[in-house]
């Protein structure tokens, strides 16, 4: 099968590269075609427009920053896609967006498989990210080899919309953990502890988390470079709060975390790294959380 990949940013570029490394024929497009250069060097074929891409492939992957962008790109690719083709969406969408856009695709003879990913850009670069899949089982089976090329843990969550719910849950937890980890590290700093040793002790304790073990290192380095923005965090927290209202679940911690991220965006801007949420505490106390021996980026 020949796949198209649209959206070659921090995440999508790595996912497309994993498909190429696994031996799939891949046609690529991004609004900024400079991002396609390394993929073309790996063997991908460039396409000048989404429609041109869709006309050359059997199925199309997308990884885009918002439901509105996904819908705009879908409007361009659907008329050019072959009947019976699949649209595989790696972006994080709301469940309502998934159901609605799947209906638009279906009306044009195209089926949708939602496949948002979680675990961080560094795992995407290694082909070891987790893939959360929603959609018909036969579509999952058809594209399982491609999904296993981009990630090493694949979960078929159920029908369309299921993956959107679990992806939002995982991101909600990550942002809560991020704020909590900043507070924990600041307690260690103000308590006179060596931050490197404190980080190691937390990582070996019942209080550890994936966020502490990964993003905590970037905080201690001072780069904060997680390749994920405040705006994206607030998008996902908004989805979580929406699910809370819909399902009748009070989300007290998620609500507080959302307010913290709104403050972070107001201070540092929506394009600031999501890990810079910890700077609110650093700035408030006039101290930083630096320690030697931590990387500027996760590899």
Protein backbone atom coordinates (compact mmCIF):
# COMPACT_ATOMS: atom_id res chain seq x y z
CA UNK A 1 0.00 0.00 0.00
CA UNK A 2 1.12 3.50 -0.74
CA UNK A 3 0.52 6.03 2.03
CA UNK A 4 0.34 9.79 2.00
CA UNK A 5 1.40 11.80 5.04
CA UNK A 6 0.23 15.39 5.56
CA UNK A 7 1.60 17.44 8.46
CA UNK A 8 5.35 17.09 8.96
CA UNK A 9 5.87 19.12 12.13
CA UNK A 10 7.50 18.08 15.41
CA UNK A 11 5.43 14.90 15.61
CA UNK A 12 4.19 14.11 12.12
CA UNK A 13 7.63 14.30 10.56
CA UNK A 14 8.85 11.52 12.84
CA UNK A 15 5.78 9.36 12.22
CA UNK A 16 6.20 9.72 8.46
CA UNK A 17 9.90 8.84 8.78
CA UNK A 18 9.00 5.67 10.67
CA UNK A 19 6.70 4.59 7.82
CA UNK A 20 9.53 5.14 5.34
CA UNK A 21 12.05 3.23 7.46
CA UNK A 22 9.61 0.31 7.64
CA UNK A 23 9.63 0.09 3.85
CA UNK A 24 6.31 1.73 3.02
CA UNK A 25 5.99 3.91 -0.06
CA UNK A 26 5.18 7.39 1.28
CA UNK A 27 4.15 10.64 -0.40
CA UNK A 28 4.52 13.69 1.86
CA UNK A 29 3.15 17.21 2.07
CA UNK A 30 3.31 20.10 4.50
CA UNK A 31 2.34 23.74 4.21
CA UNK A 32 6.05 24.37 4.80
CA UNK A 33 7.65 22.03 2.28
CA UNK A 34 11.09 22.66 3.77
CA UNK A 35 10.00 20.15 6.42
CA UNK A 36 9.73 17.49 3.71
CA UNK A 37 13.39 17.67 2.71
CA UNK A 38 14.74 15.04 5.11
CA UNK A 39 11.87 12.68 4.27
CA UNK A 40 12.49 13.05 0.55
CA UNK A 41 16.15 12.25 1.24
CA UNK A 42 14.93 9.06 2.93
CA UNK A 43 12.95 8.08 -0.16
CA UNK A 44 9.59 9.84 0.17
CA UNK A 45 7.90 11.51 -2.80
CA UNK A 46 6.92 15.18 -2.31
CA UNK A 47 3.51 16.53 -3.30
CA UNK A 48 2.83 20.21 -3.82
CA UNK A 49 -0.72 20.16 -2.44
CA UNK A 50 -2.90 17.89 -0.27
CA UNK A 51 -5.06 17.11 -3.30
CA UNK A 52 -2.04 16.16 -5.40
CA UNK A 53 -0.90 13.84 -2.61
CA UNK A 54 -4.32 12.21 -2.24
CA UNK A 55 -4.45 11.42 -5.94
CA UNK A 56 -1.19 9.44 -5.77
CA UNK A 57 -1.80 7.17 -2.78
CA UNK A 58 -4.03 4.41 -1.46
CA UNK A 59 -4.54 5.90 2.01
CA UNK A 60 -3.77 9.19 3.77
CA UNK A 61 -2.32 9.89 7.23
CA UNK A 62 -2.61 13.36 8.78
CA UNK A 63 -1.04 14.95 11.86
CA UNK A 64 -2.29 18.51 12.26
CA UNK A 65 -2.54 21.11 15.05
CA UNK A 66 -6.31 21.52 15.44
CA UNK A 67 -9.68 20.11 14.38
CA UNK A 68 -10.19 23.18 12.16
CA UNK A 69 -6.97 22.49 10.27
CA UNK A 70 -7.85 18.80 9.95
CA UNK A 71 -11.22 19.73 8.48
CA UNK A 72 -9.67 22.19 6.04
CA UNK A 73 -7.14 19.62 4.82
CA UNK A 74 -9.82 16.93 4.63
CA UNK A 75 -11.88 19.17 2.33
CA UNK A 76 -8.93 19.24 -0.06
CA UNK A 77 -8.05 15.55 0.01
CA UNK A 78 -11.47 13.87 -0.03
CA UNK A 79 -12.37 14.72 -3.65
CA UNK A 80 -9.06 13.25 -4.80
CA UNK A 81 -9.08 10.07 -2.67
CA UNK A 82 -10.04 6.75 -4.17
CA UNK A 83 -13.33 5.12 -3.12
CA UNK A 84 -12.61 2.68 -0.30
CA UNK A 85 -9.52 4.59 0.84
CA UNK A 86 -8.79 5.21 4.52
CA UNK A 87 -8.05 8.48 6.26
CA UNK A 88 -5.83 7.74 9.29
CA UNK A 89 -5.82 10.70 11.69
CA UNK A 90 -2.85 10.96 14.08
CA UNK A 91 -3.99 14.38 15.37
CA UNK A 92 -5.69 14.81 18.74
CA UNK A 93 -9.34 15.62 18.05
CA UNK A 94 -12.41 15.84 20.23
CA UNK A 95 -14.79 12.89 20.03
CA UNK A 96 -17.48 15.02 18.38
CA UNK A 97 -14.94 16.17 15.78
CA UNK A 98 -14.01 12.55 15.05
CA UNK A 99 -17.61 11.48 14.54
CA UNK A 100 -18.46 14.52 12.43
CA UNK A 101 -15.38 14.36 10.20
CA UNK A 102 -15.75 10.61 9.79
CA UNK A 103 -19.26 11.30 8.48
CA UNK A 104 -17.90 13.79 5.96
CA UNK A 105 -15.34 11.26 4.80
CA UNK A 106 -17.94 8.49 4.58
CA UNK A 107 -20.13 10.65 2.36
CA UNK A 108 -17.23 10.71 -0.13
CA UNK A 109 -16.57 6.95 0.06
CA UNK A 110 -13.63 7.24 2.47
CA UNK A 111 -13.42 5.50 5.86
CA UNK A 112 -11.68 6.93 8.91
CA UNK A 113 -9.37 5.39 11.47
CA UNK A 114 -8.43 7.63 14.40
CA UNK A 115 -4.93 6.92 15.70
CA UNK A 116 -3.70 9.67 18.06
CA UNK A 117 -0.31 9.01 19.62
CA UNK A 118 1.06 9.59 23.11
CA UNK A 119 4.42 9.42 24.85
CA UNK A 120 6.35 12.37 23.49
CA UNK A 121 8.20 13.48 20.37
CA UNK A 122 11.38 11.67 21.46
CA UNK A 123 9.56 8.32 21.37
CA UNK A 124 8.01 9.18 18.00
CA UNK A 125 11.53 9.76 16.67
CA UNK A 126 12.47 6.22 17.75
CA UNK A 127 9.28 4.60 16.45
CA UNK A 128 8.37 3.73 20.03
CA UNK A 129 5.39 5.97 20.67
CA UNK A 130 2.06 4.56 21.87
CA UNK A 131 -0.77 4.53 19.31
CA UNK A 132 -4.40 4.73 20.46
CA UNK A 133 -6.76 3.49 17.77
CA UNK A 134 -10.49 3.92 17.27
CA UNK A 135 -12.46 2.55 14.35
CA UNK A 136 -13.72 -0.60 12.68
CA UNK A 137 -11.70 -3.73 13.40
CA UNK A 138 -11.19 -4.56 9.73
CA UNK A 139 -9.59 -1.15 9.18
CA UNK A 140 -7.35 -1.69 12.19
CA UNK A 141 -6.28 -5.05 10.77
CA UNK A 142 -5.67 -3.54 7.32
CA UNK A 143 -3.36 -0.84 8.65
CA UNK A 144 -1.83 -2.65 11.62
CA UNK A 145 1.57 -3.01 9.94
CA UNK A 146 1.73 0.76 9.33
CA UNK A 147 0.59 1.51 12.87
CA UNK A 148 3.26 -0.82 14.26
CA UNK A 149 5.83 1.01 12.15
CA UNK A 150 5.12 4.28 13.95
CA UNK A 151 4.67 2.89 17.48
CA UNK A 152 5.62 -0.10 19.59
CA UNK A 153 2.47 -0.24 21.71
CA UNK A 154 -0.87 -0.22 19.91
CA UNK A 155 -4.26 -0.19 21.65
CA UNK A 156 -7.48 -0.71 19.70
CA UNK A 157 -9.83 1.16 22.03
CA UNK A 158 -13.09 0.43 20.21
CA UNK A 159 -15.30 2.33 17.74
CA UNK A 160 -14.59 5.79 16.38
CA UNK A 161 -14.38 8.33 19.20
CA UNK A 162 -12.92 5.88 21.71
CA UNK A 163 -9.34 6.87 21.00
CA UNK A 164 -10.21 10.56 21.33
CA UNK A 165 -11.48 9.97 24.85
CA UNK A 166 -8.45 8.00 26.09
CA UNK A 167 -5.98 10.35 24.40
CA UNK A 168 -7.52 13.35 26.16
CA UNK A 169 -7.43 11.43 29.46
CA UNK A 170 -3.72 10.66 29.08
CA UNK A 171 -2.88 14.27 28.19
CA UNK A 172 -4.98 15.60 31.08
CA UNK A 173 -2.99 13.42 33.47
CA UNK A 174 0.30 14.54 31.93
CA UNK A 175 -0.47 18.24 32.45
CA UNK A 176 -1.61 17.66 36.03
CA UNK A 177 1.59 15.69 36.68
CA UNK A 178 3.67 18.47 35.11
CA UNK A 179 2.30 21.13 37.45
CA UNK A 180 2.68 18.76 40.41
CA UNK A 181 6.26 17.89 39.47
CA UNK A 182 7.20 21.57 39.37
CA UNK A 183 5.82 22.03 42.87
CA UNK A 184 7.64 18.91 44.11
CA UNK A 185 10.98 20.01 42.68
CA UNK A 186 10.55 23.49 44.12
CA UNK A 187 9.86 22.02 47.55
CA UNK A 188 13.10 20.08 47.23
CA UNK A 189 15.00 23.21 46.15
CA UNK A 190 13.62 25.40 48.93
CA UNK A 191 14.20 22.60 51.42
CA UNK A 192 17.92 22.71 50.69
CA UNK A 193 18.15 19.43 48.78
CA UNK A 194 20.45 18.77 45.86
CA UNK A 195 18.07 18.80 42.88
CA UNK A 196 19.83 16.07 40.92
CA UNK A 197 19.69 13.71 43.86
CA UNK A 198 16.10 14.75 44.61
CA UNK A 199 15.08 14.03 41.00
CA UNK A 200 16.73 10.59 41.20
CA UNK A 201 15.06 9.81 44.53
CA UNK A 202 11.62 10.78 43.20
CA UNK A 203 12.21 8.70 40.06
CA UNK A 204 12.92 5.69 42.29
CA UNK A 205 9.90 6.29 44.52
CA UNK A 206 6.16 5.68 44.59
CA UNK A 207 5.75 9.35 43.63
CA UNK A 208 7.39 9.06 40.24
CA UNK A 209 5.61 9.56 36.91
CA UNK A 210 6.41 9.41 33.23
CA UNK A 211 6.33 13.22 33.20
CA UNK A 212 8.81 13.47 36.08
CA UNK A 213 11.19 11.04 34.39
CA UNK A 214 11.04 12.82 31.01
CA UNK A 215 9.88 16.44 31.14
CA UNK A 216 11.34 16.87 34.63
CA UNK A 217 14.79 16.51 33.06
CA UNK A 218 14.13 19.36 30.62
CA UNK A 219 13.00 21.59 33.48
CA UNK A 220 16.19 20.89 35.42
CA UNK A 221 18.26 21.55 32.29
CA UNK A 222 16.44 24.85 31.73
CA UNK A 223 15.68 24.24 28.05
CA UNK A 224 12.03 23.25 28.64
CA UNK A 225 12.24 21.96 25.05
CA UNK A 226 9.49 19.34 24.87
CA UNK A 227 8.23 20.48 21.41
CA UNK A 228 4.68 20.94 22.72
CA UNK A 229 3.10 24.34 23.26
CA UNK A 230 0.88 26.02 25.83
CA UNK A 231 -1.79 26.39 23.15
CA UNK A 232 -1.78 22.65 22.45
CA UNK A 233 -1.98 21.90 26.16
CA UNK A 234 -4.96 24.20 26.54
CA UNK A 235 -6.64 22.60 23.52
CA UNK A 236 -6.40 19.18 25.13
CA UNK A 237 -7.43 20.43 28.58
CA UNK A 238 -10.46 22.02 26.92
CA UNK A 239 -11.41 18.64 25.47
CA UNK A 240 -11.01 17.08 28.93
CA UNK A 241 -13.24 19.67 30.59
CA UNK A 242 -15.82 19.10 27.87
CA UNK A 243 -15.84 15.36 28.56
CA UNK A 244 -16.19 16.09 32.27
CA UNK A 245 -19.35 18.08 31.62
CA UNK A 246 -20.70 15.53 29.16
CA UNK A 247 -20.08 12.52 31.40
CA UNK A 248 -21.01 14.24 34.65
CA UNK A 249 -17.54 13.86 36.19
CA UNK A 250 -16.21 16.72 38.35
CA UNK A 251 -12.62 17.40 37.25
CA UNK A 252 -11.28 19.56 40.07
CA UNK A 253 -7.59 18.95 39.40
CA UNK A 254 -8.01 19.36 35.64
CA UNK A 255 -9.88 22.62 36.22
CA UNK A 256 -7.12 24.00 38.44
CA UNK A 257 -4.50 22.88 35.92
CA UNK A 258 -6.40 24.60 33.10
CA UNK A 259 -6.40 27.86 35.07
CA UNK A 260 -2.65 27.48 35.65
CA UNK A 261 -2.04 26.99 31.92
CA UNK A 262 -4.21 29.98 31.07
CA UNK A 263 -2.00 32.03 33.38
CA UNK A 264 1.10 30.53 31.75
CA UNK A 265 -0.14 31.46 28.30
CA UNK A 266 -0.89 35.01 29.46
CA UNK A 267 2.65 35.40 30.80
CA UNK A 268 4.77 33.49 28.25
CA UNK A 269 2.53 33.25 25.17
CA UNK A 270 0.67 30.41 23.53
CA UNK A 271 3.72 29.21 21.59
CA UNK A 272 5.82 28.81 24.74
CA UNK A 273 6.78 25.26 25.68
CA UNK A 274 4.18 23.56 27.88
CA UNK A 275 6.94 22.68 30.36
CA UNK A 276 7.43 26.41 30.96
CA UNK A 277 4.34 26.23 33.14
CA UNK A 278 6.86 25.50 35.91
CA UNK A 279 8.45 28.92 35.31
CA UNK A 280 5.40 30.51 36.91
CA UNK A 281 6.59 29.08 40.22
CA UNK A 282 10.24 29.84 39.51
CA UNK A 283 9.43 33.45 38.68
CA UNK A 284 7.11 33.86 41.67
CA UNK A 285 9.85 32.71 44.06
CA UNK A 286 12.72 34.38 42.20
CA UNK A 287 14.68 31.14 41.89
CA UNK A 288 15.22 28.47 39.30
CA UNK A 289 15.24 24.68 39.21
CA UNK A 290 18.58 24.06 37.51
CA UNK A 291 20.78 21.03 38.06
CA UNK A 292 23.79 19.61 36.25
CA UNK A 293 23.69 16.49 34.12
CA UNK A 294 20.28 16.77 32.45
CA UNK A 295 19.69 16.92 28.66
CA UNK A 296 18.36 19.89 26.70
CA UNK A 297 16.22 17.54 24.62
CA UNK A 298 14.99 14.00 25.06
CA UNK A 299 16.52 11.50 22.65
